[in-house]
Amino acid sequence: MARHLITSALPYINGIKHLGNMVGSMLPADVYARYLRQRGHDVLYICATDEHGTPAELAAKERGLPVDEFCAQAHDAQKAVYDGFALAFDYFGRSSSPENREITQHFARKLNENGFIEERAIRQVYSPADGRFLPDRYVEGTCPHCGYDKARGDQCENCTRVLDPTDLINPRSAISGSTDLEVRETKHLFLLQSKLQHEVEEWVSRHEEDWPQLASSIARKWLNEGLHDRAITRDLDWGVPVPADTWPDLAAEGKVFYVWFDAPIEYIGATKEWSDQDPENRDWKSWWYEADDTVRYTEFMAKDNVPFHTVMFPATELGVREPWKKVDYVKAFNWLTYYGGKFSTSQKRGVFTDQALAVLPADYWRYFLIANAPESDDSSFTWEHFTATVNKDLADTLGNFVNRVLSFSKKRFGEEVPAGGSPGEAETRLGEEIARLLAEYEQQMEALQFRKAAAALRALWSAGNSYLEEKAPWLEIKTDKDGAALTLRTAMNLIHLYAVVSEPFIPTTSKAMRQAFSLADDTAAWVSADEAKALTGVPAGTPFTVPPVLFAKLTEDDLEAYKERFGGEAA
C-alpha cells in the first residue's frame, strides 16, 4: 500500500479557532487520513500550532504573559479542542520547537549558499511612540484595493491581497494605535523569488491540472503577476533567530525569520519532533527527503493560505537544491461564512470550536461541516441549516434506523441477532445497492470530493431505511416470523457496515454502533464489495445491546436558544 503524508494548515496560536478554520483544513484532513488508514495505507498526518509572528506577540501582550508562556498555554488549549473533535493527528507539534529552528536555519543557509538570499537596506515603518520598527502585522490601516479598514501590513483579511505596510491608507500601530509613524532605513534578508520564477512555473505546470481549480487558479495568478523578492526577516522578539554564523550583524540586531518562511518548514520540523520521540522506530527523513517516488503528499488549507503553499514554499524548497518532498496535491477550500458574513478570529464573529463542543458532541459538527464543506464556492453556516441537517440526516436517517432495528429485535427476539430464513430477492437487491453506493463513496473519498462523499454516505444510510420500509418487519412478524428475523438480521448487518464505513465522518458514533455487537473478533477495517452484497458480517446468535440515542433531535426551542446565544445573522 502507498505511503501518504498529510498536512493541514497550521492554526495560529492567537486563540481558539472558529468553525471556518476547522472545515477549511484540519477536519477534512482528518477525514481523509482516517479513510486511508482504514483502507490499509501507511499514513502520517502532521499538524502544529503556528507560534511565531505578530499574532503571538500581540495576543501575549493582551493576556499580560511572556510570549513563550502564552504560546505553551495556547498550544495545550488548542490541542484539547482538537482532541474534542477527535482529530487523529499522528503528531501535533509547535513551530517554536528546536527541530523547526534547526531546519529553518538550515534552509536559510542553503538558500544563501545558492545565491537566493540577499541582504538589503529597506525603508520600514517606525513608531516613535512604541520605540521600535513595526513588523508588517503591527501596522494596520485601510486596504488600497478593497477599502477594508482593518487590513494588516502583510495581507488584507477581506480580499486576500498581499500588501506591504506602506501600501496601507491611514496606517496606525497595532501596539499603541499611534498614527505618528515614520519610515526609516533598516536591513533585512530577502528571498530572491524572482530568480526562481521559471523553476516554480515549471513545477506548478506539472501539478496544476491535478489540483482543484481553486488551488491552481490562485497559484497561476501569483505566477502571472510575477514573483517578487520578499523580505523574510522581521523585527520581533519571538521567532526563529537569524543564525549568527551566517549573518552576524542581523543576528546582533535580534532579527528573526518571517513567520511565512518558517511556518511551512514546520511541517518538516513537526515530523522530526514526532520522530525524535521514538528515533529507533521512526524515520522522519524517509517522509521528506528523497521521497518523491515513495510518498504521496497532500496538503489541506483554506484559499488564503494557497499562494504561500503553492508558490512561496515550493520556491524555498527548490532554492535549497536538496531533494525535499514537495506537495503532490493541494486540497483548497473556500470560506465557510456565518449567515453570509465572514467568520473572524480577530473580531470574534461566528461559532468557535470550543463553543461548538459545549453545545453538542463533535460528531454533530464533523458531519455537518464536511457535508457542507466549501469546496466549489463559499458556503454559509446558519443555525436553521445546521438544525435541519442534524435532524434529517443524523437523527432520522441514521440514528432512528439503528434504534428502531435494535429495539424492535430485542423486544421480539431477545438480545441476540435472530437467525431467520435465507436471503431472498429483497436482500439480493439491497446487497447490490449497498455495494454500488459503497463504491460511489470510495470513489468520492479517493477524489477528495467531501460533499459528494457525504452524499454517498447519506445514501447508504437511506438504503437501509428503504429496505426496512419495504420489508416492514413490524407487520411481517405477524405472518412470517422467520422472514422478520431475516429482515432484522440483515438490518443489523447494515448497522455494522455503517459503523465501519462512517468512521471517517463520525468516529465516536461509529464506535458506539460497532460496540453494540459483541463480536468475538471484530477486526474489520473496511467492507469489500462482496461483503457488502452478502451482509453476513454479524452472524445469528451474536449478542447485542441497544446503545443510547445516537443523535438527539433538535427542537425549535434549541434553534431559538442557539440563535439568541450566538446571533441569528451576520454581524
Protein backbone atom coordinates (compact mmCIF):
# COMPACT_ATOMS: atom_id res chain seq x y z
CA MET A 1 0.00 0.00 0.00
CA ALA A 2 1.05 3.62 -0.57
CA ARG A 3 2.61 5.92 1.99
CA HIS A 4 0.54 9.08 2.44
CA LEU A 5 1.88 12.24 4.07
CA ILE A 6 -0.93 14.61 5.06
CA THR A 7 -0.63 18.12 6.47
CA SER A 8 -3.25 20.73 7.29
CA ALA A 9 -2.56 24.45 7.51
CA LEU A 10 -1.06 25.34 10.88
CA PRO A 11 -3.58 27.13 13.11
CA TYR A 12 -2.31 30.42 14.51
CA ILE A 13 -1.59 30.37 18.19
CA ASN A 14 -3.59 33.51 18.97
CA GLY A 15 -6.78 31.95 20.30
CA ILE A 16 -9.25 29.14 19.73
CA LYS A 17 -10.21 28.75 16.08
CA HIS A 18 -13.68 29.08 14.59
CA LEU A 19 -15.66 26.52 12.59
CA GLY A 20 -14.48 28.00 9.29
CA ASN A 21 -10.89 27.26 10.23
CA MET A 22 -11.83 23.72 11.23
CA VAL A 23 -13.62 22.85 7.98
CA GLY A 24 -11.02 24.60 5.82
CA SER A 25 -8.07 22.47 6.88
CA MET A 26 -7.87 20.15 9.88
CA LEU A 27 -11.22 18.34 9.72
CA PRO A 28 -11.13 17.27 6.05
CA ALA A 29 -7.51 16.24 6.51
CA ASP A 30 -8.57 14.07 9.43
CA VAL A 31 -11.45 12.53 7.47
CA TYR A 32 -9.09 11.69 4.61
CA ALA A 33 -6.38 10.33 6.92
CA ARG A 34 -8.88 8.11 8.74
CA TYR A 35 -10.22 6.79 5.43
CA LEU A 36 -6.75 5.97 4.09
CA ARG A 37 -5.78 4.19 7.31
CA GLN A 38 -8.92 2.07 7.08
CA ARG A 39 -8.00 1.12 3.52
CA GLY A 40 -4.63 -0.17 4.71
CA HIS A 41 -2.32 2.68 3.70
CA ASP A 42 0.66 3.89 5.72
CA VAL A 43 -0.44 7.39 6.79
CA LEU A 44 1.35 10.19 8.62
CA TYR A 45 -0.90 13.16 9.48
CA ILE A 46 1.09 16.12 10.77
CA CYS A 47 -0.02 19.49 12.08
CA ALA A 48 1.20 22.06 14.62
CA THR A 49 0.46 25.42 16.14
CA ASP A 50 1.95 28.36 14.22
CA GLU A 51 3.56 30.26 17.07
CA HIS A 52 5.71 32.97 15.54
CA GLY A 53 4.93 36.36 14.12
CA THR A 54 2.99 39.30 15.43
CA PRO A 55 -0.26 37.45 16.33
CA ALA A 56 1.59 35.60 19.07
CA GLU A 57 3.24 38.72 20.45
CA LEU A 58 0.04 40.77 20.35
CA ALA A 59 -2.05 38.04 21.96
CA ALA A 60 0.55 37.53 24.69
CA LYS A 61 0.65 41.27 25.33
CA GLU A 62 -3.15 41.33 25.61
CA ARG A 63 -3.01 38.49 28.17
CA GLY A 64 -0.14 40.05 30.10
CA LEU A 65 2.06 36.96 29.66
CA PRO A 66 5.57 36.35 28.31
CA VAL A 67 5.14 35.19 24.75
CA ASP A 68 6.71 31.76 25.31
CA GLU A 69 4.43 31.10 28.28
CA PHE A 70 1.39 32.28 26.33
CA CYS A 71 2.24 30.01 23.40
CA ALA A 72 2.69 26.96 25.63
CA GLN A 73 -0.70 27.53 27.25
CA ALA A 74 -2.44 28.30 23.95
CA HIS A 75 -0.97 25.19 22.31
CA ASP A 76 -2.39 22.99 25.04
CA ALA A 77 -5.77 24.76 24.86
CA GLN A 78 -5.98 24.29 21.09
CA LYS A 79 -4.87 20.65 21.30
CA ALA A 80 -7.63 19.97 23.86
CA VAL A 81 -10.24 21.28 21.42
CA TYR A 82 -8.85 19.21 18.56
CA ASP A 83 -8.91 16.15 20.79
CA GLY A 84 -12.55 17.01 21.48
CA PHE A 85 -13.20 16.96 17.73
CA ALA A 86 -11.47 13.55 17.58
CA LEU A 87 -8.79 14.78 15.17
CA ALA A 88 -6.43 11.82 14.87
CA PHE A 89 -3.13 13.60 14.24
CA ASP A 90 -0.10 11.36 14.25
CA TYR A 91 1.63 14.38 15.74
CA PHE A 92 0.57 17.90 16.64
CA GLY A 93 3.70 19.96 17.11
CA ARG A 94 4.85 23.51 17.71
CA SER A 95 6.64 25.82 15.29
CA SER A 96 8.71 27.15 18.21
CA SER A 97 10.35 23.74 18.60
CA PRO A 98 14.12 23.28 18.46
CA GLU A 99 13.61 20.99 15.47
CA ASN A 100 11.90 23.70 13.44
CA ARG A 101 14.55 26.24 14.44
CA GLU A 102 17.29 23.87 13.26
CA ILE A 103 15.68 23.02 9.91
CA THR A 104 14.61 26.62 9.18
CA GLN A 105 18.14 27.89 9.75
CA HIS A 106 19.46 25.06 7.56
CA PHE A 107 17.12 26.11 4.74
CA ALA A 108 18.22 29.73 5.09
CA ARG A 109 21.92 28.87 4.97
CA LYS A 110 21.43 26.70 1.87
CA LEU A 111 19.39 29.36 0.09
CA ASN A 112 22.14 31.85 0.88
CA GLU A 113 24.86 29.48 -0.39
CA ASN A 114 22.93 29.06 -3.63
CA GLY A 115 22.53 32.80 -4.20
CA PHE A 116 18.82 33.07 -3.37
CA ILE A 117 19.06 35.28 -0.27
CA GLU A 118 20.28 38.85 -0.30
CA GLU A 119 20.74 41.38 2.48
CA ARG A 120 19.12 44.69 1.58
CA ALA A 121 18.61 48.05 3.20
CA ILE A 122 14.94 48.97 3.16
CA ARG A 123 12.76 51.73 4.49
CA GLN A 124 10.43 50.45 7.17
CA VAL A 125 7.70 51.87 9.34
CA TYR A 126 8.99 53.06 12.72
CA SER A 127 6.80 54.10 15.63
CA PRO A 128 8.34 56.71 17.95
CA ALA A 129 5.51 56.07 20.42
CA ASP A 130 6.50 52.40 20.63
CA GLY A 131 10.23 52.98 20.22
CA ARG A 132 10.63 50.26 17.58
CA PHE A 133 10.35 49.27 13.96
CA LEU A 134 6.95 47.78 13.28
CA PRO A 135 6.74 44.40 11.51
CA ASP A 136 4.09 44.28 8.81
CA ARG A 137 1.36 42.83 11.01
CA TYR A 138 2.00 45.53 13.60
CA VAL A 139 0.76 48.07 11.07
CA GLU A 140 -2.98 48.30 10.41
CA GLY A 141 -4.96 50.54 8.10
CA THR A 142 -7.29 50.67 5.11
CA CYS A 143 -6.67 48.31 2.19
CA PRO A 144 -5.99 50.29 -1.00
CA HIS A 145 -7.67 47.58 -3.08
CA CYS A 146 -10.99 46.91 -1.32
CA GLY A 147 -11.28 49.64 1.32
CA TYR A 148 -11.34 47.23 4.29
CA ASP A 149 -10.35 49.39 7.29
CA LYS A 150 -8.75 46.65 9.39
CA ALA A 151 -6.24 45.36 6.84
CA ARG A 152 -2.84 44.29 8.14
CA GLY A 153 0.50 45.28 6.69
CA ASP A 154 1.15 41.86 5.15
CA GLN A 155 -2.25 40.85 3.79
CA CYS A 156 -5.82 42.08 3.65
CA GLU A 157 -8.07 39.66 5.54
CA ASN A 158 -11.03 40.76 3.42
CA CYS A 159 -9.77 40.49 -0.18
CA THR A 160 -6.65 38.33 0.49
CA ARG A 161 -4.35 40.69 -1.46
CA VAL A 162 -0.75 40.63 -0.29
CA LEU A 163 0.36 44.04 1.00
CA ASP A 164 3.31 45.95 2.33
CA PRO A 165 2.77 48.22 5.35
CA THR A 166 3.46 51.28 3.23
CA ASP A 167 0.55 50.34 0.94
CA LEU A 168 -2.00 50.96 3.69
CA ILE A 169 -4.12 54.10 3.79
CA ASN A 170 -4.21 55.87 7.17
CA PRO A 171 -1.79 53.41 8.82
CA ARG A 172 -1.59 53.02 12.61
CA SER A 173 0.40 50.99 15.12
CA ALA A 174 -1.31 47.79 16.21
CA ILE A 175 0.53 48.10 19.54
CA SER A 176 -0.32 51.61 20.65
CA GLY A 177 -2.76 52.78 17.97
CA SER A 178 -0.47 55.71 17.24
CA THR A 179 -0.72 57.26 13.79
CA ASP A 180 2.56 59.12 14.32
CA LEU A 181 4.58 56.77 12.15
CA GLU A 182 7.84 57.35 10.33
CA VAL A 183 9.71 55.49 7.63
CA ARG A 184 13.34 54.74 8.49
CA GLU A 185 16.09 52.63 6.96
CA THR A 186 16.95 49.16 8.29
CA LYS A 187 18.38 45.93 6.89
CA HIS A 188 16.58 42.66 6.17
CA LEU A 189 17.10 39.40 4.31
CA PHE A 190 15.23 38.91 1.05
CA LEU A 191 14.31 35.64 -0.62
CA LEU A 192 15.02 36.20 -4.32
CA GLN A 193 11.86 34.62 -5.63
CA SER A 194 12.28 36.44 -8.94
CA LYS A 195 15.31 34.24 -9.68
CA LEU A 196 13.19 31.15 -9.04
CA GLN A 197 10.17 32.24 -11.11
CA HIS A 198 10.75 29.89 -14.03
CA GLU A 199 11.51 26.89 -11.83
CA VAL A 200 8.35 27.45 -9.82
CA GLU A 201 6.34 27.89 -13.02
CA GLU A 202 7.65 24.61 -14.40
CA TRP A 203 6.90 22.83 -11.13
CA VAL A 204 3.35 24.25 -10.91
CA SER A 205 2.73 23.34 -14.55
CA ARG A 206 3.46 19.69 -13.79
CA HIS A 207 0.88 19.62 -10.99
CA GLU A 208 -1.84 22.22 -11.50
CA GLU A 209 -4.05 20.12 -13.79
CA ASP A 210 -4.45 17.60 -10.97
CA TRP A 211 -5.24 20.22 -8.33
CA PRO A 212 -8.70 21.68 -7.68
CA GLN A 213 -9.31 24.73 -9.82
CA LEU A 214 -9.30 26.93 -6.72
CA ALA A 215 -5.71 25.97 -5.88
CA SER A 216 -4.35 26.06 -9.41
CA SER A 217 -6.01 29.39 -10.27
CA ILE A 218 -4.57 31.12 -7.19
CA ALA A 219 -1.09 29.75 -7.89
CA ARG A 220 -1.31 30.76 -11.54
CA LYS A 221 -2.49 34.26 -10.60
CA TRP A 222 0.58 34.81 -8.44
CA LEU A 223 2.88 33.50 -11.15
CA ASN A 224 1.25 35.59 -13.87
CA GLU A 225 1.71 38.70 -11.77
CA GLY A 226 5.38 37.78 -11.38
CA LEU A 227 7.20 36.62 -8.27
CA HIS A 228 8.74 39.43 -6.28
CA ASP A 229 11.71 39.24 -3.97
CA ARG A 230 10.31 39.08 -0.45
CA ALA A 231 11.69 40.11 2.92
CA ILE A 232 11.98 37.00 5.10
CA THR A 233 13.12 38.63 8.35
CA ARG A 234 11.28 40.76 10.88
CA ASP A 235 11.96 42.93 13.91
CA LEU A 236 10.40 40.78 16.60
CA ASP A 237 11.37 39.37 19.96
CA TRP A 238 9.87 35.95 19.19
CA GLY A 239 10.71 33.72 16.26
CA VAL A 240 13.41 31.62 14.67
CA PRO A 241 16.55 33.74 15.06
CA VAL A 242 18.74 34.61 12.09
CA PRO A 243 21.85 32.41 12.55
CA ALA A 244 24.81 34.41 13.77
CA ASP A 245 27.33 32.22 11.90
CA THR A 246 25.91 33.46 8.60
CA TRP A 247 24.53 36.95 9.31
CA PRO A 248 26.26 38.22 12.47
CA ASP A 249 25.10 41.84 12.15
CA LEU A 250 21.45 40.98 11.69
CA ALA A 251 21.62 38.39 14.45
CA ALA A 252 23.08 41.03 16.77
CA GLU A 253 20.10 43.27 15.95
CA GLY A 254 17.75 40.46 17.02
CA LYS A 255 16.22 39.80 13.60
CA VAL A 256 14.05 36.69 13.29
CA PHE A 257 12.65 34.92 10.25
CA TYR A 258 9.28 35.89 8.83
CA VAL A 259 6.53 33.58 10.04
CA TRP A 260 5.59 32.62 6.48
CA PHE A 261 9.17 31.49 5.92
CA ASP A 262 9.39 29.19 8.93
CA ALA A 263 5.76 28.04 9.26
CA PRO A 264 5.66 25.72 6.20
CA ILE A 265 9.06 24.34 7.20
CA GLU A 266 7.39 23.32 10.46
CA TYR A 267 5.64 20.53 8.57
CA ILE A 268 9.11 19.01 8.32
CA GLY A 269 10.04 20.20 11.80
CA ALA A 270 6.94 18.63 13.37
CA THR A 271 7.72 15.35 11.59
CA LYS A 272 11.17 15.45 13.16
CA GLU A 273 9.55 16.22 16.54
CA TRP A 274 7.43 13.08 16.04
CA SER A 275 10.48 11.06 15.05
CA ASP A 276 12.62 12.34 17.92
CA GLN A 277 10.11 10.90 20.40
CA ASP A 278 10.90 7.38 19.18
CA PRO A 279 14.02 7.55 16.98
CA GLU A 280 14.56 3.79 16.91
CA ASN A 281 11.22 3.21 15.19
CA ARG A 282 10.53 6.47 13.36
CA ASP A 283 12.45 7.93 10.45
CA TRP A 284 11.36 11.49 9.68
CA LYS A 285 13.63 11.86 6.68
CA SER A 286 12.03 8.92 4.87
CA TRP A 287 8.87 11.04 4.63
CA TRP A 288 10.56 14.23 3.45
CA TYR A 289 13.95 13.57 1.86
CA GLU A 290 14.34 11.74 -1.45
CA ALA A 291 10.72 10.65 -1.03
CA ASP A 292 9.19 11.65 -4.38
CA ASP A 293 8.74 8.04 -5.50
CA THR A 294 7.66 6.60 -2.17
CA VAL A 295 5.33 9.19 -0.59
CA ARG A 296 2.19 10.95 -1.80
CA TYR A 297 1.92 14.32 -0.06
CA THR A 298 -1.47 16.04 0.30
CA GLU A 299 -1.97 19.48 1.86
CA PHE A 300 -5.29 20.86 3.16
CA MET A 301 -5.90 24.59 3.51
CA ALA A 302 -8.28 27.49 3.01
CA LYS A 303 -7.85 29.67 -0.05
CA ASP A 304 -5.99 32.49 1.72
CA ASN A 305 -3.14 30.07 2.50
CA VAL A 306 -2.87 28.69 -1.02
CA PRO A 307 -0.31 31.12 -2.53
CA PHE A 308 2.18 30.53 0.26
CA HIS A 309 1.97 26.75 -0.15
CA THR A 310 1.84 26.56 -3.95
CA VAL A 311 4.39 29.26 -4.73
CA MET A 312 6.44 30.59 -1.81
CA PHE A 313 7.20 27.31 0.00
CA PRO A 314 7.93 25.40 -3.24
CA ALA A 315 10.28 28.25 -4.22
CA THR A 316 12.05 27.80 -0.89
CA GLU A 317 12.33 24.04 -1.36
CA LEU A 318 13.57 24.42 -4.94
CA GLY A 319 16.13 27.01 -3.89
CA VAL A 320 17.86 24.87 -1.28
CA ARG A 321 18.90 22.49 -4.08
CA GLU A 322 18.20 19.45 -1.95
CA PRO A 323 15.65 16.66 -2.67
CA TRP A 324 12.97 17.72 -0.18
CA LYS A 325 9.48 16.35 -0.78
CA LYS A 326 7.11 18.85 -2.39
CA VAL A 327 3.35 18.67 -2.32
CA ASP A 328 1.58 16.41 -4.81
CA TYR A 329 -1.99 17.55 -4.21
CA VAL A 330 -3.33 20.77 -2.70
CA LYS A 331 -6.90 20.46 -1.42
CA ALA A 332 -8.02 24.06 -1.17
CA PHE A 333 -11.28 25.26 0.35
CA ASN A 334 -13.31 28.41 0.03
CA TRP A 335 -14.70 30.05 3.15
CA LEU A 336 -17.46 28.99 5.45
CA THR A 337 -19.44 32.12 6.29
CA TYR A 338 -21.70 32.86 9.22
CA TYR A 339 -25.08 33.94 7.84
CA GLY A 340 -23.24 35.31 4.82
CA GLY A 341 -20.69 37.26 6.90
CA LYS A 342 -17.13 36.21 7.48
CA PHE A 343 -16.06 34.16 10.48
CA SER A 344 -13.29 36.10 12.16
CA THR A 345 -10.95 35.11 14.98
CA SER A 346 -9.76 38.67 15.44
CA GLN A 347 -13.29 40.10 15.57
CA LYS A 348 -14.80 37.13 17.48
CA ARG A 349 -17.62 36.68 14.97
CA GLY A 350 -19.21 33.26 14.48
CA VAL A 351 -19.14 29.96 16.35
CA PHE A 352 -15.78 28.93 17.75
CA THR A 353 -14.73 25.33 18.11
CA ASP A 354 -14.71 25.24 21.91
CA GLN A 355 -18.19 26.78 21.97
CA ALA A 356 -19.40 24.23 19.43
CA LEU A 357 -18.29 21.33 21.64
CA ALA A 358 -20.02 22.92 24.62
CA VAL A 359 -23.29 22.92 22.64
CA LEU A 360 -23.24 19.43 21.08
CA PRO A 361 -20.85 16.46 20.71
CA ALA A 362 -18.22 16.52 18.00
CA ASP A 363 -19.91 14.13 15.55
CA TYR A 364 -22.79 16.56 15.02
CA TRP A 365 -20.28 19.18 13.88
CA ARG A 366 -17.99 16.84 11.98
CA TYR A 367 -20.81 15.54 9.80
CA PHE A 368 -22.45 18.90 9.17
CA LEU A 369 -19.21 20.66 8.29
CA ILE A 370 -17.96 18.01 5.88
CA ALA A 371 -21.39 17.51 4.31
CA ASN A 372 -21.43 21.26 3.60
CA ALA A 373 -17.73 21.81 3.01
CA PRO A 374 -17.00 24.99 0.99
CA GLU A 375 -15.35 23.20 -1.91
CA SER A 376 -16.70 24.77 -5.10
CA ASP A 377 -17.74 28.06 -3.51
CA ASP A 378 -18.19 29.74 -0.15
CA SER A 379 -20.90 28.11 1.95
CA SER A 380 -22.94 29.65 4.74
CA PHE A 381 -23.46 28.37 8.25
CA THR A 382 -26.89 29.10 9.66
CA TRP A 383 -28.47 27.56 12.72
CA GLU A 384 -31.55 26.74 10.65
CA HIS A 385 -29.47 24.73 8.17
CA PHE A 386 -27.48 23.05 10.93
CA THR A 387 -30.63 22.02 12.80
CA ALA A 388 -32.33 20.69 9.66
CA THR A 389 -29.25 18.66 8.67
CA VAL A 390 -28.84 17.14 12.12
CA ASN A 391 -32.50 16.19 12.32
CA LYS A 392 -32.85 14.79 8.81
CA ASP A 393 -29.53 13.02 8.26
CA LEU A 394 -28.23 12.13 11.69
CA ALA A 395 -31.29 11.79 13.93
CA ASP A 396 -33.87 10.48 11.43
CA THR A 397 -31.93 8.66 8.72
CA LEU A 398 -29.11 7.06 10.75
CA GLY A 399 -29.99 7.30 14.43
CA ASN A 400 -33.63 6.29 14.06
CA PHE A 401 -32.69 3.33 11.85
CA VAL A 402 -30.27 1.98 14.45
CA ASN A 403 -32.69 2.48 17.33
CA ARG A 404 -35.70 1.00 15.51
CA VAL A 405 -33.88 -2.12 14.39
CA LEU A 406 -32.16 -2.96 17.67
CA SER A 407 -35.07 -2.02 19.94
CA PHE A 408 -37.62 -3.98 17.92
CA SER A 409 -35.36 -7.02 17.62
CA LYS A 410 -34.63 -7.02 21.36
CA LYS A 411 -38.33 -6.79 22.13
CA ARG A 412 -39.35 -9.63 19.79
CA PHE A 413 -36.30 -11.90 19.62
CA GLY A 414 -34.23 -11.14 22.69
CA GLU A 415 -30.65 -9.88 23.00
CA GLU A 416 -29.06 -11.96 20.24
CA VAL A 417 -29.12 -11.43 16.48
CA PRO A 418 -32.01 -13.58 15.21
CA ALA A 419 -31.42 -16.24 12.56
CA GLY A 420 -34.41 -16.26 10.24
CA GLY A 421 -34.51 -17.75 6.81
CA SER A 422 -32.24 -17.49 3.78
CA PRO A 423 -31.85 -14.15 1.96
CA GLY A 424 -34.39 -13.53 -0.74
CA GLU A 425 -34.88 -11.18 -3.67
CA ALA A 426 -35.16 -8.07 -1.45
CA GLU A 427 -31.87 -8.89 0.27
CA THR A 428 -30.14 -9.53 -3.06
CA ARG A 429 -31.32 -6.18 -4.40
CA LEU A 430 -30.24 -4.49 -1.16
CA GLY A 431 -26.77 -6.04 -1.31
CA GLU A 432 -26.28 -4.89 -4.90
CA GLU A 433 -27.43 -1.38 -3.99
CA ILE A 434 -25.18 -1.20 -0.93
CA ALA A 435 -22.17 -2.38 -2.96
CA ARG A 436 -22.90 0.23 -5.62
CA LEU A 437 -23.26 3.05 -3.11
CA LEU A 438 -20.15 1.93 -1.24
CA ALA A 439 -18.18 2.09 -4.50
CA GLU A 440 -19.50 5.61 -5.08
CA TYR A 441 -18.49 6.58 -1.54
CA GLU A 442 -14.99 5.17 -2.05
CA GLN A 443 -14.64 6.94 -5.40
CA GLN A 444 -15.53 10.33 -3.92
CA MET A 445 -13.26 9.84 -0.92
CA GLU A 446 -10.36 8.89 -3.20
CA ALA A 447 -11.05 12.03 -5.24
CA LEU A 448 -11.23 14.18 -2.06
CA GLN A 449 -14.73 15.33 -3.01
CA PHE A 450 -16.08 15.58 0.50
CA ARG A 451 -19.59 16.87 -0.13
CA LYS A 452 -20.16 14.14 -2.71
CA ALA A 453 -18.69 11.57 -0.32
CA ALA A 454 -21.10 12.74 2.38
CA ALA A 455 -23.99 12.43 -0.08
CA ALA A 456 -22.94 8.86 -0.89
CA LEU A 457 -22.70 8.02 2.81
CA ARG A 458 -26.13 9.52 3.38
CA ALA A 459 -27.47 7.40 0.51
CA LEU A 460 -26.04 4.29 2.18
CA TRP A 461 -27.93 5.15 5.36
CA SER A 462 -31.10 5.85 3.35
CA ALA A 463 -30.90 2.48 1.61
CA GLY A 464 -31.30 0.79 4.98
CA ASN A 465 -34.41 2.78 5.74
CA SER A 466 -35.88 1.97 2.32
CA TYR A 467 -35.24 -1.72 2.90
CA LEU A 468 -36.85 -1.53 6.33
CA GLU A 469 -39.92 0.22 4.95
CA GLU A 470 -40.19 -2.32 2.14
CA LYS A 471 -39.97 -5.36 4.42
CA ALA A 472 -41.86 -3.80 7.37
CA PRO A 473 -40.80 -6.37 9.97
CA TRP A 474 -43.34 -4.98 12.45
CA LEU A 475 -46.03 -6.30 10.07
CA GLU A 476 -44.02 -9.21 8.69
CA ILE A 477 -43.66 -10.79 12.14
CA LYS A 478 -47.41 -11.31 12.36
CA THR A 479 -47.41 -13.77 9.47
CA ASP A 480 -43.77 -14.78 8.89
CA LYS A 481 -41.59 -14.79 11.99
CA ASP A 482 -38.58 -16.23 10.16
CA GLY A 483 -38.95 -13.56 7.48
CA ALA A 484 -38.99 -10.81 10.12
CA ALA A 485 -35.93 -12.34 11.76
CA LEU A 486 -34.11 -12.32 8.41
CA THR A 487 -35.05 -8.67 7.87
CA LEU A 488 -33.73 -7.68 11.29
CA ARG A 489 -30.54 -9.71 10.91
CA THR A 490 -29.91 -8.05 7.55
CA ALA A 491 -30.59 -4.63 9.05
CA MET A 492 -28.19 -5.35 11.91
CA ASN A 493 -25.52 -6.21 9.40
CA LEU A 494 -26.21 -2.85 7.77
CA ILE A 495 -25.67 -1.16 11.15
CA HIS A 496 -22.29 -2.83 11.47
CA LEU A 497 -21.41 -1.84 7.90
CA TYR A 498 -22.43 1.74 8.69
CA ALA A 499 -20.25 1.63 11.80
CA VAL A 500 -17.21 0.68 9.74
CA VAL A 501 -17.59 2.97 6.72
CA SER A 502 -18.93 6.02 8.62
CA GLU A 503 -15.90 6.16 10.91
CA PRO A 504 -14.05 8.91 8.97
CA PHE A 505 -17.04 11.23 9.41
CA ILE A 506 -18.46 10.30 12.82
CA PRO A 507 -15.84 8.25 14.68
CA THR A 508 -17.42 8.36 18.15
CA THR A 509 -20.83 7.30 16.89
CA SER A 510 -19.28 4.62 14.70
CA LYS A 511 -17.53 3.17 17.72
CA ALA A 512 -20.82 3.09 19.65
CA MET A 513 -22.58 1.30 16.76
CA ARG A 514 -19.76 -1.20 16.46
CA GLN A 515 -19.71 -1.90 20.19
CA ALA A 516 -23.43 -2.66 20.13
CA PHE A 517 -22.45 -6.11 18.84
CA SER A 518 -20.43 -8.49 20.99
CA LEU A 519 -18.42 -9.96 18.15
CA ALA A 520 -15.59 -12.18 19.33
CA ASP A 521 -13.15 -10.95 16.69
CA ASP A 522 -14.29 -7.69 15.14
CA THR A 523 -11.19 -6.59 13.24
CA ALA A 524 -12.90 -5.33 10.08
CA ALA A 525 -11.06 -2.28 8.80
CA TRP A 526 -13.29 -1.83 5.76
CA VAL A 527 -16.05 -3.60 3.85
CA SER A 528 -15.38 -5.18 0.47
CA ALA A 529 -17.92 -5.20 -2.34
CA ASP A 530 -18.57 -8.92 -1.80
CA GLU A 531 -19.07 -8.37 1.93
CA ALA A 532 -21.46 -5.52 1.19
CA LYS A 533 -23.51 -7.76 -1.08
CA ALA A 534 -23.59 -10.65 1.39
CA LEU A 535 -24.25 -8.63 4.58
CA THR A 536 -23.24 -11.51 6.84
CA GLY A 537 -20.56 -9.89 9.00
CA VAL A 538 -22.73 -10.15 12.13
CA PRO A 539 -23.92 -13.77 12.32
CA ALA A 540 -27.04 -15.03 14.00
CA GLY A 541 -26.61 -15.58 17.71
CA THR A 542 -24.32 -12.59 18.24
CA PRO A 543 -25.23 -10.80 21.49
CA PHE A 544 -26.11 -7.14 21.11
CA THR A 545 -27.20 -4.19 23.20
CA VAL A 546 -29.26 -1.15 22.32
CA PRO A 547 -26.97 1.91 22.60
CA PRO A 548 -28.20 5.23 23.95
CA VAL A 549 -29.77 7.60 21.43
CA LEU A 550 -27.06 8.32 18.89
CA PHE A 551 -28.27 11.77 17.86
CA ALA A 552 -30.81 13.86 19.72
CA LYS A 553 -33.32 15.60 17.52
CA LEU A 554 -33.02 19.37 17.80
CA THR A 555 -36.18 21.32 18.58
CA GLU A 556 -37.45 24.78 17.72
CA ASP A 557 -36.56 25.79 21.27
CA ASP A 558 -32.99 24.59 20.69
CA LEU A 559 -32.82 26.60 17.47
CA GLU A 560 -34.03 29.78 19.13
CA ALA A 561 -31.63 29.27 22.04
CA TYR A 562 -28.67 28.90 19.66
CA LYS A 563 -29.65 31.99 17.71
CA GLU A 564 -30.09 34.01 20.89
CA ARG A 565 -26.70 32.92 22.21
CA PHE A 566 -24.66 33.28 19.03
CA GLY A 567 -26.75 35.63 16.91
CA GLY A 568 -29.03 34.65 14.08
CA GLU A 569 -27.42 36.78 11.41
CA ALA A 570 -24.03 38.09 10.37
CA ALA A 571 -22.63 40.98 12.38
